PDB file of N, CA and C in Angstrom:
ATOM      1  N   MET A   1      -2.425-122.227  35.029  1.00  0.00           N
ATOM      2  CA  MET A   1      -1.968-123.529  35.436  1.00  0.00           C
ATOM      3  C   MET A   1      -3.153-124.488  35.361  1.00  0.00           C
ATOM      4  N   PRO A   2      -3.055-125.550  34.598  1.00  0.00           N
ATOM      5  CA  PRO A   2      -4.172-126.497  34.522  1.00  0.00           C
ATOM      6  C   PRO A   2      -4.327-127.276  35.822  1.00  0.00           C
ATOM      7  N   ALA A   3      -5.559-127.644  36.110  1.00  0.00           N
ATOM      8  CA  ALA A   3      -5.844-128.430  37.307  1.00  0.00           C
ATOM      9  C   ALA A   3      -5.301-129.842  37.120  1.00  0.00           C
ATOM     10  N   PRO A   4      -4.835-130.491  38.196  1.00  0.00           N
ATOM     11  CA  PRO A   4      -4.355-131.868  38.064  1.00  0.00           C
ATOM     12  C   PRO A   4      -5.497-132.781  37.634  1.00  0.00           C
ATOM     13  N   PRO A   5      -5.179-133.874  36.948  1.00  0.00           N
ATOM     14  CA  PRO A   5      -6.225-134.778  36.435  1.00  0.00           C
ATOM     15  C   PRO A   5      -7.180-135.295  37.495  1.00  0.00           C
ATOM     16  N   SER A   6      -6.725-135.451  38.743  1.00  0.00           N
ATOM     17  CA  SER A   6      -7.603-135.967  39.794  1.00  0.00           C
ATOM     18  C   SER A   6      -8.571-134.910  40.313  1.00  0.00           C
ATOM     19  N   ASP A   7      -8.386-133.670  39.910  1.00  0.00           N
ATOM     20  CA  ASP A   7      -9.239-132.579  40.366  1.00  0.00           C
ATOM     21  C   ASP A   7     -10.476-132.498  39.469  1.00  0.00           C
ATOM     22  N   PRO A   8     -11.685-132.483  40.066  1.00  0.00           N
ATOM     23  CA  PRO A   8     -12.900-132.464  39.251  1.00  0.00           C
ATOM     24  C   PRO A   8     -13.179-131.124  38.560  1.00  0.00           C
ATOM     25  N   THR A   9     -12.444-130.070  38.918  1.00  0.00           N
ATOM     26  CA  THR A   9     -12.688-128.782  38.282  1.00  0.00           C
ATOM     27  C   THR A   9     -12.145-128.791  36.860  1.00  0.00           C
ATOM     28  N   ARG A  10     -12.710-127.928  36.039  1.00  0.00           N
ATOM     29  CA  ARG A  10     -12.252-127.832  34.653  1.00  0.00           C
ATOM     30  C   ARG A  10     -11.270-126.696  34.444  1.00  0.00           C
ATOM     31  N   PHE A  11     -11.247-125.760  35.376  1.00  0.00           N
ATOM     32  CA  PHE A  11     -10.302-124.656  35.288  1.00  0.00           C
ATOM     33  C   PHE A  11     -10.102-124.046  36.666  1.00  0.00           C
ATOM     34  N   ILE A  12      -9.036-123.288  36.772  1.00  0.00           N
ATOM     35  CA  ILE A  12      -8.751-122.558  38.003  1.00  0.00           C
ATOM     36  C   ILE A  12      -8.712-121.086  37.636  1.00  0.00           C
ATOM     37  N   LEU A  13      -9.411-120.265  38.391  1.00  0.00           N
ATOM     38  CA  LEU A  13      -9.454-118.830  38.145  1.00  0.00           C
ATOM     39  C   LEU A  13      -8.721-118.118  39.267  1.00  0.00           C
ATOM     40  N   ILE A  14      -7.704-117.371  38.885  1.00  0.00           N
ATOM     41  CA  ILE A  14      -6.988-116.544  39.846  1.00  0.00           C
ATOM     42  C   ILE A  14      -7.078-115.129  39.314  1.00  0.00           C
ATOM     43  N   GLY A  15      -7.550-114.219  40.123  1.00  0.00           N
ATOM     44  CA  GLY A  15      -7.696-112.859  39.627  1.00  0.00           C
ATOM     45  C   GLY A  15      -7.575-111.837  40.727  1.00  0.00           C
ATOM     46  N   THR A  16      -7.416-110.620  40.300  1.00  0.00           N
ATOM     47  CA  THR A  16      -7.376-109.500  41.220  1.00  0.00           C
ATOM     48  C   THR A  16      -8.374-108.472  40.732  1.00  0.00           C
ATOM     49  N   MET A  17      -8.698-107.540  41.584  1.00  0.00           N
ATOM     50  CA  MET A  17      -9.648-106.508  41.187  1.00  0.00           C
ATOM     51  C   MET A  17      -9.249-105.191  41.803  1.00  0.00           C
ATOM     52  N   ASN A  18      -9.390-104.167  41.051  1.00  0.00           N
ATOM     53  CA  ASN A  18      -9.146-102.820  41.526  1.00  0.00           C
ATOM     54  C   ASN A  18     -10.446-102.302  42.123  1.00  0.00           C
ATOM     55  N   PRO A  19     -10.499-102.034  43.428  1.00  0.00           N
ATOM     56  CA  PRO A  19     -11.747-101.585  44.055  1.00  0.00           C
ATOM     57  C   PRO A  19     -12.284-100.283  43.464  1.00  0.00           C
ATOM     58  N   GLU A  20     -11.417 -99.488  42.850  1.00  0.00           N
ATOM     59  CA  GLU A  20     -11.866 -98.238  42.240  1.00  0.00           C
ATOM     60  C   GLU A  20     -12.767 -98.481  41.035  1.00  0.00           C
ATOM     61  N   GLU A  21     -12.752 -99.699  40.514  1.00  0.00           N
ATOM     62  CA  GLU A  21     -13.591-100.036  39.366  1.00  0.00           C
ATOM     63  C   GLU A  21     -15.002-100.440  39.778  1.00  0.00           C
ATOM     64  N   GLY A  22     -15.272-100.466  41.074  1.00  0.00           N
ATOM     65  CA  GLY A  22     -16.609-100.804  41.549  1.00  0.00           C
ATOM     66  C   GLY A  22     -16.676-102.196  42.127  1.00  0.00           C
ATOM     67  N   GLU A  23     -17.855-102.541  42.599  1.00  0.00           N
ATOM     68  CA  GLU A  23     -18.089-103.846  43.213  1.00  0.00           C
ATOM     69  C   GLU A  23     -18.469-104.873  42.159  1.00  0.00           C
ATOM     70  N   LEU A  24     -18.209-106.141  42.469  1.00  0.00           N
ATOM     71  CA  LEU A  24     -18.668-107.219  41.601  1.00  0.00           C
ATOM     72  C   LEU A  24     -20.169-107.419  41.787  1.00  0.00           C
ATOM     73  N   ARG A  25     -20.828-107.785  40.721  1.00  0.00           N
ATOM     74  CA  ARG A  25     -22.265-108.062  40.807  1.00  0.00           C
ATOM     75  C   ARG A  25     -22.491-109.323  41.637  1.00  0.00           C
ATOM     76  N   PRO A  26     -23.609-109.403  42.361  1.00  0.00           N
ATOM     77  CA  PRO A  26     -23.893-110.588  43.185  1.00  0.00           C
ATOM     78  C   PRO A  26     -23.892-111.883  42.370  1.00  0.00           C
ATOM     79  N   GLN A  27     -24.268-111.812  41.087  1.00  0.00           N
ATOM     80  CA  GLN A  27     -24.280-113.009  40.243  1.00  0.00           C
ATOM     81  C   GLN A  27     -22.877-113.579  40.062  1.00  0.00           C
ATOM     82  N   LEU A  28     -21.859-112.732  40.203  1.00  0.00           N
ATOM     83  CA  LEU A  28     -20.483-113.201  40.067  1.00  0.00           C
ATOM     84  C   LEU A  28     -19.884-113.596  41.407  1.00  0.00           C
ATOM     85  N   LEU A  29     -20.271-112.919  42.471  1.00  0.00           N
ATOM     86  CA  LEU A  29     -19.689-113.188  43.778  1.00  0.00           C
ATOM     87  C   LEU A  29     -19.859-114.632  44.221  1.00  0.00           C
ATOM     88  N   ASP A  30     -20.993-115.250  43.900  1.00  0.00           N
ATOM     89  CA  ASP A  30     -21.206-116.627  44.336  1.00  0.00           C
ATOM     90  C   ASP A  30     -20.402-117.630  43.521  1.00  0.00           C
ATOM     91  N   ARG A  31     -19.686-117.185  42.516  1.00  0.00           N
ATOM     92  CA  ARG A  31     -18.845-118.067  41.705  1.00  0.00           C
ATOM     93  C   ARG A  31     -17.452-118.251  42.302  1.00  0.00           C
ATOM     94  N   PHE A  32     -17.115-117.407  43.277  1.00  0.00           N
ATOM     95  CA  PHE A  32     -15.799-117.460  43.890  1.00  0.00           C
ATOM     96  C   PHE A  32     -15.881-118.238  45.192  1.00  0.00           C
ATOM     97  N   GLY A  33     -15.114-119.322  45.298  1.00  0.00           N
ATOM     98  CA  GLY A  33     -15.137-120.135  46.494  1.00  0.00           C
ATOM     99  C   GLY A  33     -14.382-119.512  47.655  1.00  0.00           C
ATOM    100  N   LEU A  34     -13.383-118.720  47.346  1.00  0.00           N
ATOM    101  CA  LEU A  34     -12.569-118.128  48.397  1.00  0.00           C
ATOM    102  C   LEU A  34     -12.070-116.782  47.919  1.00  0.00           C
ATOM    103  N   MET A  35     -12.229-115.788  48.748  1.00  0.00           N
ATOM    104  CA  MET A  35     -11.733-114.462  48.426  1.00  0.00           C
ATOM    105  C   MET A  35     -10.968-113.969  49.643  1.00  0.00           C
ATOM    106  N   VAL A  36      -9.736-113.580  49.440  1.00  0.00           N
ATOM    107  CA  VAL A  36      -8.888-113.153  50.536  1.00  0.00           C
ATOM    108  C   VAL A  36      -8.352-111.765  50.237  1.00  0.00           C
ATOM    109  N   ARG A  37      -8.499-110.878  51.184  1.00  0.00           N
ATOM    110  CA  ARG A  37      -7.920-109.536  51.048  1.00  0.00           C
ATOM    111  C   ARG A  37      -6.532-109.559  51.682  1.00  0.00           C
ATOM    112  N   VAL A  38      -5.517-109.323  50.858  1.00  0.00           N
ATOM    113  CA  VAL A  38      -4.154-109.351  51.377  1.00  0.00           C
ATOM    114  C   VAL A  38      -3.460-108.007  51.260  1.00  0.00           C
ATOM    115  N   ALA A  39      -4.058-107.070  50.557  1.00  0.00           N
ATOM    116  CA  ALA A  39      -3.431-105.765  50.360  1.00  0.00           C
ATOM    117  C   ALA A  39      -3.210-105.069  51.693  1.00  0.00           C
ATOM    118  N   ALA A  40      -2.096-104.390  51.784  1.00  0.00           N
ATOM    119  CA  ALA A  40      -1.741-103.550  52.924  1.00  0.00           C
ATOM    120  C   ALA A  40      -1.514-104.327  54.231  1.00  0.00           C
ATOM    121  N   GLN A  41      -1.249-105.619  54.149  1.00  0.00           N
ATOM    122  CA  GLN A  41      -0.849-106.372  55.337  1.00  0.00           C
ATOM    123  C   GLN A  41       0.599-106.006  55.660  1.00  0.00           C
ATOM    124  N   ARG A  42       0.993-106.155  56.896  1.00  0.00           N
ATOM    125  CA  ARG A  42       2.383-105.877  57.267  1.00  0.00           C
ATOM    126  C   ARG A  42       3.316-106.887  56.603  1.00  0.00           C
ATOM    127  N   GLU A  43       4.443-106.400  56.125  1.00  0.00           N
ATOM    128  CA  GLU A  43       5.407-107.243  55.414  1.00  0.00           C
ATOM    129  C   GLU A  43       5.911-108.401  56.281  1.00  0.00           C
ATOM    130  N   ASP A  44       6.223-108.129  57.553  1.00  0.00           N
ATOM    131  CA  ASP A  44       6.722-109.193  58.423  1.00  0.00           C
ATOM    132  C   ASP A  44       5.665-110.276  58.647  1.00  0.00           C
ATOM    133  N   TYR A  45       4.399-109.871  58.755  1.00  0.00           N
ATOM    134  CA  TYR A  45       3.305-110.833  58.902  1.00  0.00           C
ATOM    135  C   TYR A  45       3.207-111.725  57.657  1.00  0.00           C
ATOM    136  N   LEU A  46       3.293-111.108  56.483  1.00  0.00           N
ATOM    137  CA  LEU A  46       3.191-111.865  55.234  1.00  0.00           C
ATOM    138  C   LEU A  46       4.330-112.860  55.089  1.00  0.00           C
ATOM    139  N   VAL A  47       5.551-112.443  55.415  1.00  0.00           N
ATOM    140  CA  VAL A  47       6.696-113.352  55.344  1.00  0.00           C
ATOM    141  C   VAL A  47       6.468-114.546  56.268  1.00  0.00           C
ATOM    142  N   LYS A  48       6.050-114.272  57.514  1.00  0.00           N
ATOM    143  CA  LYS A  48       5.810-115.349  58.475  1.00  0.00           C
ATOM    144  C   LYS A  48       4.706-116.288  57.981  1.00  0.00           C
ATOM    145  N   ALA A  49       3.616-115.723  57.467  1.00  0.00           N
ATOM    146  CA  ALA A  49       2.499-116.550  56.985  1.00  0.00           C
ATOM    147  C   ALA A  49       2.922-117.398  55.787  1.00  0.00           C
ATOM    148  N   LEU A  50       3.597-116.806  54.821  1.00  0.00           N
ATOM    149  CA  LEU A  50       4.004-117.547  53.623  1.00  0.00           C
ATOM    150  C   LEU A  50       5.007-118.645  53.965  1.00  0.00           C
ATOM    151  N   ARG A  51       5.954-118.339  54.835  1.00  0.00           N
ATOM    152  CA  ARG A  51       6.905-119.373  55.269  1.00  0.00           C
ATOM    153  C   ARG A  51       6.182-120.486  56.028  1.00  0.00           C
ATOM    154  N   GLY A  52       5.205-120.105  56.840  1.00  0.00           N
ATOM    155  CA  GLY A  52       4.423-121.099  57.578  1.00  0.00           C
ATOM    156  C   GLY A  52       3.629-122.009  56.657  1.00  0.00           C
ATOM    157  N   TYR A  53       3.054-121.453  55.598  1.00  0.00           N
ATOM    158  CA  TYR A  53       2.350-122.285  54.618  1.00  0.00           C
ATOM    159  C   TYR A  53       3.328-123.238  53.942  1.00  0.00           C
ATOM    160  N   LYS A  54       4.495-122.735  53.622  1.00  0.00           N
ATOM    161  CA  LYS A  54       5.487-123.557  52.925  1.00  0.00           C
ATOM    162  C   LYS A  54       5.951-124.735  53.774  1.00  0.00           C
ATOM    163  N   ASP A  55       6.203-124.499  55.066  1.00  0.00           N
ATOM    164  CA  ASP A  55       6.716-125.591  55.910  1.00  0.00           C
ATOM    165  C   ASP A  55       5.601-126.330  56.671  1.00  0.00           C
ATOM    166  N   SER A  56       4.356-126.033  56.342  1.00  0.00           N
ATOM    167  CA  SER A  56       3.165-126.693  56.918  1.00  0.00           C
ATOM    168  C   SER A  56       2.948-126.408  58.401  1.00  0.00           C
ATOM    169  N   SER A  57       3.615-125.395  58.944  1.00  0.00           N
ATOM    170  CA  SER A  57       3.338-125.036  60.331  1.00  0.00           C
ATOM    171  C   SER A  57       2.099-124.145  60.418  1.00  0.00           C
ATOM    172  N   ARG A  58       1.649-123.634  59.278  1.00  0.00           N
ATOM    173  CA  ARG A  58       0.421-122.839  59.198  1.00  0.00           C
ATOM    174  C   ARG A  58      -0.452-123.492  58.125  1.00  0.00           C
ATOM    175  N   HIS A  59      -1.707-123.720  58.443  1.00  0.00           N
ATOM    176  CA  HIS A  59      -2.581-124.424  57.510  1.00  0.00           C
ATOM    177  C   HIS A  59      -3.583-123.474  56.888  1.00  0.00           C
ATOM    178  N   GLY A  60      -3.790-123.635  55.609  1.00  0.00           N
ATOM    179  CA  GLY A  60      -4.798-122.852  54.909  1.00  0.00           C
ATOM    180  C   GLY A  60      -6.150-123.521  55.025  1.00  0.00           C
ATOM    181  N   TYR A  61      -7.074-123.077  54.217  1.00  0.00           N
ATOM    182  CA  TYR A  61      -8.452-123.576  54.236  1.00  0.00           C
ATOM    183  C   TYR A  61      -8.513-125.096  54.106  1.00  0.00           C
ATOM    184  N   ASP A  62      -7.761-125.645  53.164  1.00  0.00           N
ATOM    185  CA  ASP A  62      -7.838-127.089  52.949  1.00  0.00           C
ATOM    186  C   ASP A  62      -6.469-127.777  52.994  1.00  0.00           C
ATOM    187  N   GLY A  63      -5.462-127.100  53.482  1.00  0.00           N
ATOM    188  CA  GLY A  63      -4.154-127.716  53.599  1.00  0.00           C
ATOM    189  C   GLY A  63      -3.335-127.754  52.325  1.00  0.00           C
ATOM    190  N   SER A  64      -3.839-127.162  51.264  1.00  0.00           N
ATOM    191  CA  SER A  64      -3.131-127.236  49.976  1.00  0.00           C
ATOM    192  C   SER A  64      -2.056-126.174  49.810  1.00  0.00           C
ATOM    193  N   MET A  65      -1.951-125.243  50.760  1.00  0.00           N
ATOM    194  CA  MET A  65      -0.977-124.168  50.601  1.00  0.00           C
ATOM    195  C   MET A  65       0.460-124.676  50.601  1.00  0.00           C
ATOM    196  N   ALA A  66       0.763-125.734  51.327  1.00  0.00           N
ATOM    197  CA  ALA A  66       2.119-126.280  51.323  1.00  0.00           C
ATOM    198  C   ALA A  66       2.504-126.708  49.910  1.00  0.00           C
ATOM    199  N   GLU A  67       1.568-127.327  49.221  1.00  0.00           N
ATOM    200  CA  GLU A  67       1.820-127.749  47.835  1.00  0.00           C
ATOM    201  C   GLU A  67       1.987-126.543  46.916  1.00  0.00           C
ATOM    202  N   VAL A  68       1.154-125.530  47.121  1.00  0.00           N
ATOM    203  CA  VAL A  68       1.241-124.314  46.308  1.00  0.00           C
ATOM    204  C   VAL A  68       2.571-123.615  46.550  1.00  0.00           C
ATOM    205  N   MET A  69       3.004-123.579  47.798  1.00  0.00           N
ATOM    206  CA  MET A  69       4.219-122.848  48.161  1.00  0.00           C
ATOM    207  C   MET A  69       5.499-123.650  47.931  1.00  0.00           C
ATOM    208  N   ALA A  70       5.406-124.946  47.692  1.00  0.00           N
ATOM    209  CA  ALA A  70       6.597-125.800  47.559  1.00  0.00           C
ATOM    210  C   ALA A  70       7.642-125.259  46.579  1.00  0.00           C
ATOM    211  N   PRO A  71       7.246-124.819  45.384  1.00  0.00           N
ATOM    212  CA  PRO A  71       8.281-124.352  44.449  1.00  0.00           C
ATOM    213  C   PRO A  71       8.770-122.917  44.706  1.00  0.00           C
ATOM    214  N   ILE A  72       8.170-122.234  45.663  1.00  0.00           N
ATOM    215  CA  ILE A  72       8.511-120.837  45.921  1.00  0.00           C
ATOM    216  C   ILE A  72       9.738-120.771  46.829  1.00  0.00           C
ATOM    217  N   THR A  73      10.773-120.059  46.381  1.00  0.00           N
ATOM    218  CA  THR A  73      12.005-119.929  47.158  1.00  0.00           C
ATOM    219  C   THR A  73      11.854-118.845  48.218  1.00  0.00           C
ATOM    220  N   ASP A  74      12.757-118.849  49.206  1.00  0.00           N
ATOM    221  CA  ASP A  74      12.685-117.830  50.244  1.00  0.00           C
ATOM    222  C   ASP A  74      12.878-116.419  49.678  1.00  0.00           C
ATOM    223  N   PRO A  75      13.820-116.202  48.739  1.00  0.00           N
ATOM    224  CA  PRO A  75      13.907-114.859  48.150  1.00  0.00           C
ATOM    225  C   PRO A  75      12.606-114.438  47.439  1.00  0.00           C
ATOM    226  N   GLN A  76      11.901-115.392  46.840  1.00  0.00           N
ATOM    227  CA  GLN A  76      10.619-115.076  46.206  1.00  0.00           C
ATOM    228  C   GLN A  76       9.564-114.731  47.252  1.00  0.00           C
ATOM    229  N   ILE A  77       9.594-115.418  48.387  1.00  0.00           N
ATOM    230  CA  ILE A  77       8.672-115.096  49.479  1.00  0.00           C
ATOM    231  C   ILE A  77       8.906-113.664  49.950  1.00  0.00           C
ATOM    232  N   LEU A  78      10.172-113.291  50.115  1.00  0.00           N
ATOM    233  CA  LEU A  78      10.498-111.929  50.542  1.00  0.00           C
ATOM    234  C   LEU A  78      10.024-110.905  49.516  1.00  0.00           C
ATOM    235  N   ASP A  79      10.224-111.197  48.233  1.00  0.00           N
ATOM    236  CA  ASP A  79       9.768-110.285  47.174  1.00  0.00           C
ATOM    237  C   ASP A  79       8.249-110.168  47.161  1.00  0.00           C
ATOM    238  N   LEU A  80       7.576-111.299  47.301  1.00  0.00           N
ATOM    239  CA  LEU A  80       6.117-111.311  47.288  1.00  0.00           C
ATOM    240  C   LEU A  80       5.554-110.528  48.470  1.00  0.00           C
ATOM    241  N   ALA A  81       6.119-110.745  49.643  1.00  0.00           N
ATOM    242  CA  ALA A  81       5.668-110.017  50.836  1.00  0.00           C
ATOM    243  C   ALA A  81       5.904-108.519  50.682  1.00  0.00           C
ATOM    244  N   TYR A  82       7.041-108.154  50.130  1.00  0.00           N
ATOM    245  CA  TYR A  82       7.361-106.738  49.896  1.00  0.00           C
ATOM    246  C   TYR A  82       6.305-106.109  48.989  1.00  0.00           C
ATOM    247  N   TYR A  83       5.978-106.808  47.901  1.00  0.00           N
ATOM    248  CA  TYR A  83       5.007-106.292  46.935  1.00  0.00           C
ATOM    249  C   TYR A  83       3.609-106.178  47.562  1.00  0.00           C
ATOM    250  N   ILE A  84       3.130-107.264  48.164  1.00  0.00           N
ATOM    251  CA  ILE A  84       1.770-107.287  48.717  1.00  0.00           C
ATOM    252  C   ILE A  84       1.599-106.227  49.800  1.00  0.00           C
ATOM    253  N   ALA A  85       2.628-106.030  50.616  1.00  0.00           N
ATOM    254  CA  ALA A  85       2.543-105.061  51.709  1.00  0.00           C
ATOM    255  C   ALA A  85       2.363-103.626  51.184  1.00  0.00           C
ATOM    256  N   ARG A  86       2.706-103.419  49.952  1.00  0.00           N
ATOM    257  CA  ARG A  86       2.628-102.072  49.395  1.00  0.00           C
ATOM    258  C   ARG A  86       1.450-101.859  48.448  1.00  0.00           C
ATOM    259  N   VAL A  87       0.654-102.883  48.227  1.00  0.00           N
ATOM    260  CA  VAL A  87      -0.546-102.759  47.399  1.00  0.00           C
ATOM    261  C   VAL A  87      -1.586-101.985  48.208  1.00  0.00           C
ATOM    262  N   LYS A  88      -2.207-101.024  47.599  1.00  0.00           N
ATOM    263  CA  LYS A  88      -3.211-100.219  48.294  1.00  0.00           C
ATOM    264  C   LYS A  88      -4.598-100.730  47.972  1.00  0.00           C
TER     265      LYS A  88
END
């Protein structure tokens, strides 16, 4: 997804990593502004958090989660929570 024109960044990086592949080198770690571990969270917690971000009753780091979650439907939230809760 390209960054909006008003955003000074040139790209957005979204990625995942398999911990079995080893740790990231320190030279790469400082390139990531935010890293969140979501694997193995309880499904009910994830549903509540995602719904809260969507309706702005829960705020993320900079308040942009409501915008990110706006196009996500409730059935998609349930599917996403189901998947994330089962990631090891």
